[in-house]
Amino acid sequence: RETEEKETAEIIFQIYKAIKESEKPVPERRGPSNWVMSERLKMFEE
């Protein structure tokens, strides 16, 4: 039960970080990590 909550919090945190990263004004430096995060999100949604 506890580990499940931790995993959910971890996912939410990763998504939050990805959103924050994508808001940064230097896309060429952060582009790849954003792409990786969006690919991971697609996997979670399936």
C-alpha atoms as a PDB file:
ATOM      1  CA  ARG A   1       0.000   0.000   0.000  1.00  0.00           C
ATOM      2  CA  GLU A   2       2.712   2.440   0.994  1.00  0.00           C
ATOM      3  CA  THR A   3       4.993   1.647  -1.935  1.00  0.00           C
ATOM      4  CA  GLU A   4       2.066   2.186  -4.300  1.00  0.00           C
ATOM      5  CA  GLU A   5       1.583   5.724  -3.001  1.00  0.00           C
ATOM      6  CA  LYS A   6       5.302   6.408  -3.317  1.00  0.00           C
ATOM      7  CA  GLU A   7       5.298   5.238  -6.932  1.00  0.00           C
ATOM      8  CA  THR A   8       2.339   7.473  -7.752  1.00  0.00           C
ATOM      9  CA  ALA A   9       4.003  10.454  -6.095  1.00  0.00           C
ATOM     10  CA  GLU A  10       7.191   9.711  -8.034  1.00  0.00           C
ATOM     11  CA  ILE A  11       5.309   9.680 -11.355  1.00  0.00           C
ATOM     12  CA  ILE A  12       3.531  12.937 -10.527  1.00  0.00           C
ATOM     13  CA  PHE A  13       6.853  14.502  -9.564  1.00  0.00           C
ATOM     14  CA  GLN A  14       8.464  13.365 -12.828  1.00  0.00           C
ATOM     15  CA  ILE A  15       5.573  14.849 -14.815  1.00  0.00           C
ATOM     16  CA  TYR A  16       5.819  18.094 -12.839  1.00  0.00           C
ATOM     17  CA  LYS A  17       9.556  18.272 -13.493  1.00  0.00           C
ATOM     18  CA  ALA A  18       9.003  17.612 -17.205  1.00  0.00           C
ATOM     19  CA  ILE A  19       6.479  20.454 -17.392  1.00  0.00           C
ATOM     20  CA  LYS A  20       8.872  22.785 -15.586  1.00  0.00           C
ATOM     21  CA  GLU A  21      11.678  21.768 -17.941  1.00  0.00           C
ATOM     22  CA  SER A  22       9.532  22.395 -21.018  1.00  0.00           C
ATOM     23  CA  GLU A  23       8.772  25.915 -19.758  1.00  0.00           C
ATOM     24  CA  LYS A  24      12.477  26.786 -19.713  1.00  0.00           C
ATOM     25  CA  PRO A  25      13.587  29.157 -22.489  1.00  0.00           C
ATOM     26  CA  VAL A  26      16.439  26.924 -23.696  1.00  0.00           C
ATOM     27  CA  PRO A  27      14.685  24.150 -25.684  1.00  0.00           C
ATOM     28  CA  GLU A  28      17.780  23.027 -27.571  1.00  0.00           C
ATOM     29  CA  ARG A  29      19.470  22.008 -24.327  1.00  0.00           C
ATOM     30  CA  ARG A  30      16.409  20.429 -22.722  1.00  0.00           C
ATOM     31  CA  GLY A  31      14.720  19.018 -25.832  1.00  0.00           C
ATOM     32  CA  PRO A  32      15.899  15.397 -25.555  1.00  0.00           C
ATOM     33  CA  SER A  33      14.864  14.988 -21.911  1.00  0.00           C
ATOM     34  CA  ASN A  34      11.436  16.436 -22.672  1.00  0.00           C
ATOM     35  CA  TRP A  35      11.063  13.974 -25.516  1.00  0.00           C
ATOM     36  CA  VAL A  36      12.059  11.093 -23.251  1.00  0.00           C
ATOM     37  CA  MET A  37       9.538  12.216 -20.631  1.00  0.00           C
ATOM     38  CA  SER A  38       6.711  12.483 -23.161  1.00  0.00           C
ATOM     39  CA  GLU A  39       7.562   8.998 -24.432  1.00  0.00           C
ATOM     40  CA  ARG A  40       7.360   7.698 -20.853  1.00  0.00           C
ATOM     41  CA  LEU A  41       4.019   9.417 -20.353  1.00  0.00           C
ATOM     42  CA  LYS A  42       2.683   7.700 -23.460  1.00  0.00           C
ATOM     43  CA  MET A  43       3.723   4.365 -21.976  1.00  0.00           C
ATOM     44  CA  PHE A  44       1.896   5.155 -18.712  1.00  0.00           C
ATOM     45  CA  GLU A  45      -1.268   6.144 -20.547  1.00  0.00           C
ATOM     46  CA  GLU A  46      -1.470   2.931 -22.561  1.00  0.00           C
END
